Each structure stands twice: as structure tokens, then as C-alpha cells.
Amino acid sequence: MIILGSRGSDLALWQAHHVKSLLAEQTDLAVEIKVIRTSGDRITDVSLASLPGKGFFTKEIEAALLAGDIDLAVHSHKDLPTESPTGLTIAAVPERGPASECLLVTPPAWDANATLPLKQGALVGTGSARRAMQLLDLRPDLQIRDLRGNVPTRIRKAIQGQYDAIVLARAGLQRLALDPAPLRVHELDPACFVPAPAQGALAIQVRAGDRLTEKDGRWQPALACIHHEPTARAVAAERLVLAALEGGCNLPLGAYASLEQEHIRLQAVLGRDGRVPRRCEVRGQTPAATARAALQVLTE
């Protein structure tokens, strides 16, 4: 029996069951999901962006993995710090879901003629410094208020009128098959509203050196069957930018890479202490080269 560690939110459990299904399609492994509560799940009364540190949604799961309480962990890739703890490694990156964001707007606040379909001075909920930075860059008149909770909770708060609009990852809406009506959904072009590094991607983390065989329950390259190399290359470019800037979830950085034949195309945006955010679009042949080209523009 393989024990898979996951957070307990609806979206995290969808991700865990998705990986379990992928493994079932390719192997005879029996997988059991173990729910682990993280500090990010416990801290609900303040913005995580206001707190020091990283890995709010991963540290407890990684500790369980190192302790041998679980055999592998499934994370939202964007939640992982760029440096894995000693003894752990990313063994597989499945094919990415949609990376874009969605603006969910209450009917009274909808304005189809505006840049972003929002009325003047609309109150928008988000707990992300990156999202807040880009919203205000596009619409300085907007009011931003912190928003916490899982995806269904955030939608409920908007429907109840606590916000005129909220911003959510499209992948979360799609994976949970949520109907946010009566909220109106406006998908944001990732070229203009750049998502978080690795948004929409999953990471499967294991103990370094473990091998899985279907006979003795230890890790072998069985995860290679669900690894998607194009996704891994794109995500690597995005996270190399994040790592070079020594950023975590508090850094107002967006980075989105896609593969174009032999090149990686990377779009990025970085907030700069109240000044106009710096944006770039670069291309490179490797994740490292692409990240270096972006950093030259973002930090000049």
C-alpha cells in the first residue's frame, strides 16, 4: 500500500485523487490518501502575505514524508518553495491544467465596457500580492481587500456581497466543476494578467533515493509514466525566475512559460515598491537560458 499525503481542501483532494487515478491507469499500485493539515490551513484570520516565511501549505506534508509517515506527496506546484528540503525531491510533474486566472464579478458590479469588466471603484477580493499588483496596474481605481478560504468559500463570500469581484485560478474552477452563478466569469489572458509561477501544475514529491516497485512498495521510476516533460520544462523556467529573486508567495511576481517548437516563451511581471511593474516577454532554448533573459529585463 502506497500512502499519498495531501491537504484536505476540496481542490487538494481532487489533485490527490487525480494522481491516484493516473497511477492506477499505468500501474497495479494500491494507493491510500492521507490528509495532513498545514499551517496555511490553520491560519485563517490574517493574510499569509503579511507573514514571514515560506511553505505555509507544504511544510507539514514534507515533514510527514521525511518521517516516513507517507510515501509520496502531491502539491500544487506553485505552493512549493523553490528549494526542496534535504532528503526530498520532485519525482514527477503531470501534464499542466489551465494556468490562467478568472475574474468572478457580481452582476451589479459588471461593466462590459471597462478595462476589466468592473464598475468604477469596485471592491476586489484577493490574498495575492501578485494579483493585487496587476489589478491596480490595470485599474488604479479598484479597491483591494484580503480574501482567504478555499475555492467554494471564496465564491460564497462574493455571492453574499462581501466583494464586488474575486480572482481565482481557472484550474480550480475547472477541477472542482464549480458553477459560480450568479457571478459572471471573465477569463484573464495570461499574456496580460500573468499567473503565478507553476500555476495549474502539480508536483509529486518523494524521498530522494526511494525506489518504488509494485512488489515491495518502494519507489522506482514508476512515476515516469505520469511525468509530462513539456510541462516540467515550462514550470522550470518560471520557478528559476522565482528562485533567482528569492521569492515566495509574498513576492508580486507573475511568470508564465509555454513551449514554441524548440524555444520556451516566457512572460513575466514584477512589482517594484509602488512603481509601475516591470514586464517582459523573452524566449530561450532551455529553462535556465529563458529565466536568465527574463531576469535581465526584470532587474535592470
Protein backbone atom coordinates (compact mmCIF):
# COMPACT_ATOMS: atom_id res chain seq x y z
CA MET A 1 0.00 0.00 0.00
CA ILE A 2 1.36 3.39 -1.03
CA ILE A 3 0.40 6.29 1.27
CA LEU A 4 -0.14 9.59 -0.55
CA GLY A 5 -0.12 12.76 1.54
CA SER A 6 -2.38 15.70 0.72
CA ARG A 7 -4.04 18.72 2.23
CA GLY A 8 -7.72 18.32 3.00
CA SER A 9 -9.26 21.09 0.88
CA ASP A 10 -11.62 20.12 -1.93
CA LEU A 11 -9.05 21.17 -4.52
CA ALA A 12 -6.15 19.39 -2.83
CA LEU A 13 -8.18 16.19 -2.58
CA TRP A 14 -9.11 16.47 -6.26
CA GLN A 15 -5.40 16.68 -7.03
CA ALA A 16 -4.62 13.67 -4.84
CA HIS A 17 -7.36 11.55 -6.41
CA HIS A 18 -6.23 12.68 -9.87
CA VAL A 19 -2.70 11.42 -9.22
CA LYS A 20 -4.10 8.23 -7.69
CA SER A 21 -6.12 7.67 -10.87
CA LEU A 22 -3.12 8.35 -13.10
CA LEU A 23 -1.09 5.77 -11.19
CA ALA A 24 -3.95 3.26 -11.34
CA GLU A 25 -4.09 3.65 -15.13
CA GLN A 26 -0.39 2.88 -15.51
CA THR A 27 0.46 0.51 -12.63
CA ASP A 28 -1.02 -2.00 -10.23
CA LEU A 29 -0.15 0.12 -7.21
CA ALA A 30 -2.66 0.37 -4.37
CA VAL A 31 -2.75 3.97 -3.15
CA GLU A 32 -4.31 5.33 0.04
CA ILE A 33 -4.73 9.09 0.59
CA LYS A 34 -3.77 10.55 3.98
CA VAL A 35 -4.96 14.07 4.80
CA ILE A 36 -2.47 16.37 6.55
CA ARG A 37 -3.43 19.80 7.90
CA THR A 38 -0.89 22.53 7.18
CA SER A 39 -0.16 25.86 8.84
CA GLY A 40 -1.74 27.58 5.85
CA ASP A 41 -4.97 25.71 6.58
CA ARG A 42 -4.89 26.72 10.25
CA ILE A 43 -4.11 30.42 9.75
CA THR A 44 -7.38 31.89 8.51
CA ASP A 45 -7.61 35.26 10.26
CA VAL A 46 -4.67 37.10 8.67
CA SER A 47 -3.20 37.44 5.20
CA LEU A 48 -0.39 34.97 4.53
CA ALA A 49 1.30 37.73 2.52
CA SER A 50 1.79 39.62 5.81
CA LEU A 51 3.62 36.72 7.48
CA PRO A 52 7.32 35.86 7.18
CA GLY A 53 8.43 32.52 5.83
CA LYS A 54 7.53 30.15 3.02
CA GLY A 55 5.84 26.80 2.53
CA PHE A 56 2.68 27.53 4.51
CA PHE A 57 0.82 24.80 2.61
CA THR A 58 3.67 22.29 2.33
CA LYS A 59 5.91 22.12 5.41
CA GLU A 60 3.82 19.67 7.45
CA ILE A 61 3.36 17.39 4.45
CA GLU A 62 7.09 17.42 3.74
CA ALA A 63 7.81 16.62 7.40
CA ALA A 64 5.49 13.60 7.19
CA LEU A 65 7.27 12.47 4.04
CA LEU A 66 10.71 12.76 5.67
CA ALA A 67 9.43 10.90 8.73
CA GLY A 68 8.16 8.01 6.59
CA ASP A 69 4.53 8.56 7.55
CA ILE A 70 3.65 8.89 3.85
CA ASP A 71 5.35 7.59 0.71
CA LEU A 72 4.70 10.49 -1.63
CA ALA A 73 3.09 13.90 -1.55
CA VAL A 74 1.02 15.76 -4.12
CA HIS A 75 1.31 19.55 -4.07
CA SER A 76 0.07 22.46 -6.08
CA HIS A 77 3.44 23.19 -7.67
CA LYS A 78 3.10 26.92 -7.06
CA ASP A 79 2.87 26.31 -3.28
CA LEU A 80 6.29 24.66 -3.08
CA PRO A 81 9.34 26.70 -2.08
CA THR A 82 11.92 26.70 -4.87
CA GLU A 83 14.39 24.69 -2.74
CA SER A 84 13.35 21.22 -1.65
CA PRO A 85 14.27 20.18 1.89
CA THR A 86 17.30 17.93 2.16
CA GLY A 87 16.19 14.37 1.51
CA LEU A 88 13.22 15.20 -0.73
CA THR A 89 12.91 15.57 -4.49
CA ILE A 90 10.29 16.20 -7.16
CA ALA A 91 9.85 12.87 -8.94
CA ALA A 92 7.17 13.81 -11.48
CA VAL A 93 5.23 16.76 -12.88
CA PRO A 94 1.96 15.65 -14.54
CA GLU A 95 0.52 17.49 -17.52
CA ARG A 96 -0.50 21.01 -16.59
CA GLY A 97 -4.06 22.24 -16.36
CA PRO A 98 -5.08 25.77 -17.37
CA ALA A 99 -2.72 28.39 -15.94
CA SER A 100 -4.91 31.46 -16.44
CA GLU A 101 -6.93 33.40 -13.88
CA CYS A 102 -10.64 34.21 -13.81
CA LEU A 103 -12.35 37.34 -12.57
CA LEU A 104 -15.68 36.46 -10.93
CA VAL A 105 -17.93 39.51 -10.82
CA THR A 106 -21.28 40.16 -9.12
CA PRO A 107 -23.94 41.30 -11.62
CA PRO A 108 -24.27 44.84 -10.14
CA ALA A 109 -20.52 45.39 -10.49
CA TRP A 110 -20.25 44.16 -14.09
CA ASP A 111 -19.23 46.76 -16.69
CA ALA A 112 -18.51 45.20 -20.07
CA ASN A 113 -17.11 48.46 -21.45
CA ALA A 114 -14.34 48.87 -18.87
CA THR A 115 -10.76 47.65 -18.85
CA LEU A 116 -11.53 44.58 -16.79
CA PRO A 117 -15.34 44.31 -16.72
CA LEU A 118 -15.73 46.08 -13.37
CA LYS A 119 -17.55 49.22 -12.31
CA GLN A 120 -15.56 52.23 -11.11
CA GLY A 121 -14.11 51.73 -7.63
CA ALA A 122 -15.14 48.08 -7.38
CA LEU A 123 -14.05 46.11 -4.31
CA VAL A 124 -11.99 43.07 -5.36
CA GLY A 125 -11.00 40.24 -3.04
CA THR A 126 -7.61 38.55 -3.25
CA GLY A 127 -4.94 37.40 -0.83
CA SER A 128 -2.23 37.52 -3.50
CA ALA A 129 0.25 40.39 -3.75
CA ARG A 130 0.81 39.43 -7.39
CA ARG A 131 -2.88 39.65 -8.26
CA ALA A 132 -3.35 42.90 -6.32
CA MET A 133 -0.36 44.47 -8.08
CA GLN A 134 -1.66 43.60 -11.55
CA LEU A 135 -5.23 44.63 -10.77
CA LEU A 136 -4.10 48.08 -9.63
CA ASP A 137 -1.73 48.41 -12.58
CA LEU A 138 -4.65 47.87 -14.96
CA ARG A 139 -7.25 49.72 -12.84
CA PRO A 140 -5.86 52.12 -10.20
CA ASP A 141 -9.42 52.96 -9.12
CA LEU A 142 -10.08 49.48 -7.72
CA GLN A 143 -10.19 48.72 -4.00
CA ILE A 144 -8.38 45.56 -2.90
CA ARG A 145 -9.34 43.60 0.23
CA ASP A 146 -7.77 40.43 1.56
CA LEU A 147 -9.59 37.18 0.76
CA ARG A 148 -8.94 33.82 2.44
CA GLY A 149 -10.60 30.40 2.37
CA ASN A 150 -10.87 27.50 -0.04
CA VAL A 151 -12.35 27.97 -3.51
CA PRO A 152 -16.03 27.31 -2.58
CA THR A 153 -15.71 29.61 0.44
CA ARG A 154 -14.31 32.44 -1.68
CA ILE A 155 -17.11 32.09 -4.20
CA ARG A 156 -19.70 32.10 -1.41
CA LYS A 157 -18.26 35.31 0.05
CA ALA A 158 -18.59 37.02 -3.34
CA ILE A 159 -22.16 35.79 -3.84
CA GLN A 160 -23.03 37.07 -0.35
CA GLY A 161 -21.89 40.54 -1.42
CA GLN A 162 -18.74 40.83 0.67
CA TYR A 163 -16.86 41.71 -2.55
CA ASP A 164 -17.80 43.07 -5.95
CA ALA A 165 -15.43 40.58 -7.56
CA ILE A 166 -12.79 38.00 -6.72
CA VAL A 167 -9.90 36.46 -8.66
CA LEU A 168 -9.47 32.68 -8.82
CA ALA A 169 -7.31 30.30 -10.79
CA ARG A 170 -9.21 28.81 -13.70
CA ALA A 171 -7.74 25.40 -12.87
CA GLY A 172 -9.50 25.39 -9.50
CA LEU A 173 -12.87 26.20 -11.03
CA GLN A 174 -12.42 23.58 -13.74
CA ARG A 175 -11.15 20.81 -11.49
CA LEU A 176 -13.95 21.23 -8.97
CA ALA A 177 -16.56 21.67 -11.73
CA LEU A 178 -17.98 24.65 -9.86
CA ASP A 179 -20.83 26.77 -11.16
CA PRO A 180 -20.26 30.23 -9.66
CA ALA A 181 -23.64 31.62 -10.79
CA PRO A 182 -24.90 34.27 -10.35
CA LEU A 183 -21.32 35.55 -10.57
CA ARG A 184 -20.20 36.36 -14.09
CA VAL A 185 -16.88 34.82 -15.19
CA HIS A 186 -14.29 36.70 -17.20
CA GLU A 187 -11.14 34.75 -18.11
CA LEU A 188 -7.98 36.84 -17.94
CA ASP A 189 -5.43 36.48 -20.73
CA PRO A 190 -2.19 35.17 -19.14
CA ALA A 191 -0.24 37.43 -21.51
CA CYS A 192 -1.81 40.47 -19.81
CA PHE A 193 -2.59 39.15 -16.35
CA VAL A 194 0.35 36.87 -15.67
CA PRO A 195 -0.30 33.88 -13.38
CA ALA A 196 1.92 32.66 -10.55
CA PRO A 197 4.95 30.56 -11.42
CA ALA A 198 3.80 26.93 -11.87
CA GLN A 199 0.10 27.83 -11.60
CA GLY A 200 -2.10 24.97 -12.83
CA ALA A 201 0.69 22.40 -12.40
CA LEU A 202 1.12 19.63 -9.82
CA ALA A 203 4.30 18.30 -8.23
CA ILE A 204 4.78 14.78 -6.90
CA GLN A 205 7.37 14.77 -4.15
CA VAL A 206 9.19 11.70 -2.76
CA ARG A 207 12.15 10.91 -0.57
CA ALA A 208 15.39 11.18 -2.51
CA GLY A 209 16.71 7.74 -3.41
CA ASP A 210 13.48 5.87 -2.75
CA ARG A 211 12.52 3.32 -5.37
CA LEU A 212 9.00 2.04 -5.93
CA THR A 213 8.24 -1.45 -7.14
CA GLU A 214 4.82 -2.97 -7.25
CA LYS A 215 6.06 -5.88 -5.15
CA ASP A 216 7.62 -4.28 -2.10
CA GLY A 217 6.03 -0.84 -2.06
CA ARG A 218 9.24 1.14 -2.55
CA TRP A 219 9.78 3.77 -5.22
CA GLN A 220 11.16 3.00 -8.67
CA PRO A 221 10.84 5.13 -11.83
CA ALA A 222 7.14 4.18 -11.94
CA LEU A 223 6.26 7.87 -11.72
CA ALA A 224 7.90 8.41 -15.09
CA CYS A 225 4.70 7.15 -16.68
CA ILE A 226 2.74 10.18 -15.45
CA HIS A 227 5.51 12.75 -15.88
CA HIS A 228 4.93 15.35 -18.63
CA GLU A 229 8.23 16.79 -19.80
CA PRO A 230 6.83 19.84 -21.69
CA THR A 231 5.06 20.94 -18.51
CA ALA A 232 8.21 20.30 -16.46
CA ARG A 233 10.31 22.46 -18.80
CA ALA A 234 7.85 25.35 -18.74
CA VAL A 235 7.45 25.22 -14.98
CA ALA A 236 11.22 25.02 -14.51
CA ALA A 237 11.70 28.29 -16.41
CA GLU A 238 9.07 30.02 -14.29
CA ARG A 239 10.41 28.76 -10.99
CA LEU A 240 14.01 29.61 -11.88
CA VAL A 241 12.94 33.25 -12.12
CA LEU A 242 11.25 32.93 -8.72
CA ALA A 243 14.31 31.26 -7.20
CA ALA A 244 16.70 33.90 -8.52
CA LEU A 245 14.57 36.63 -6.96
CA GLU A 246 14.48 34.63 -3.71
CA GLY A 247 10.73 34.95 -3.69
CA GLY A 248 7.87 33.13 -2.08
CA CYS A 249 4.13 33.66 -2.04
CA ASN A 250 4.66 37.26 -0.82
CA LEU A 251 6.61 38.30 -3.93
CA PRO A 252 4.48 40.16 -6.52
CA LEU A 253 5.82 38.09 -9.40
CA GLY A 254 3.96 36.54 -12.29
CA ALA A 255 5.69 34.15 -14.70
CA TYR A 256 4.15 32.04 -17.42
CA ALA A 257 6.08 29.90 -19.92
CA SER A 258 4.89 27.97 -22.95
CA LEU A 259 6.74 25.86 -25.49
CA GLU A 260 7.05 27.06 -29.07
CA GLN A 261 8.74 24.36 -31.17
CA GLU A 262 12.35 24.37 -29.91
CA HIS A 263 12.01 27.50 -27.77
CA ILE A 264 10.46 28.40 -24.44
CA ARG A 265 8.46 31.62 -24.43
CA LEU A 266 8.26 33.32 -21.03
CA GLN A 267 6.13 36.26 -19.98
CA ALA A 268 6.77 37.80 -16.59
CA VAL A 269 5.79 40.78 -14.44
CA LEU A 270 7.41 42.02 -11.24
CA GLY A 271 6.12 44.61 -8.78
CA ARG A 272 8.62 47.24 -7.64
CA ASP A 273 7.75 49.07 -4.39
CA GLY A 274 4.87 51.17 -5.61
CA ARG A 275 6.38 51.91 -9.01
CA VAL A 276 4.97 50.72 -12.32
CA PRO A 277 5.51 46.94 -12.55
CA ARG A 278 8.22 45.79 -14.93
CA ARG A 279 7.09 43.37 -17.66
CA CYS A 280 8.94 41.25 -20.19
CA GLU A 281 8.49 38.62 -22.87
CA VAL A 282 11.56 36.54 -23.73
CA ARG A 283 12.48 33.31 -25.48
CA GLY A 284 15.21 30.77 -24.83
CA GLN A 285 16.21 27.23 -25.73
CA THR A 286 16.47 25.96 -22.14
CA PRO A 287 14.65 26.81 -18.91
CA ALA A 288 17.84 28.31 -17.48
CA ALA A 289 18.57 30.46 -20.52
CA THR A 290 14.98 31.66 -20.67
CA ALA A 291 14.95 32.57 -16.99
CA ARG A 292 18.25 34.47 -17.32
CA ALA A 293 16.86 36.51 -20.22
CA ALA A 294 13.78 37.41 -18.18
CA LEU A 295 15.82 38.36 -15.13
CA GLN A 296 17.96 40.73 -17.17
CA VAL A 297 14.83 42.73 -18.03
CA LEU A 298 13.05 42.45 -14.69
CA THR A 299 16.04 43.54 -12.59
CA GLU A 300 17.71 46.14 -14.82
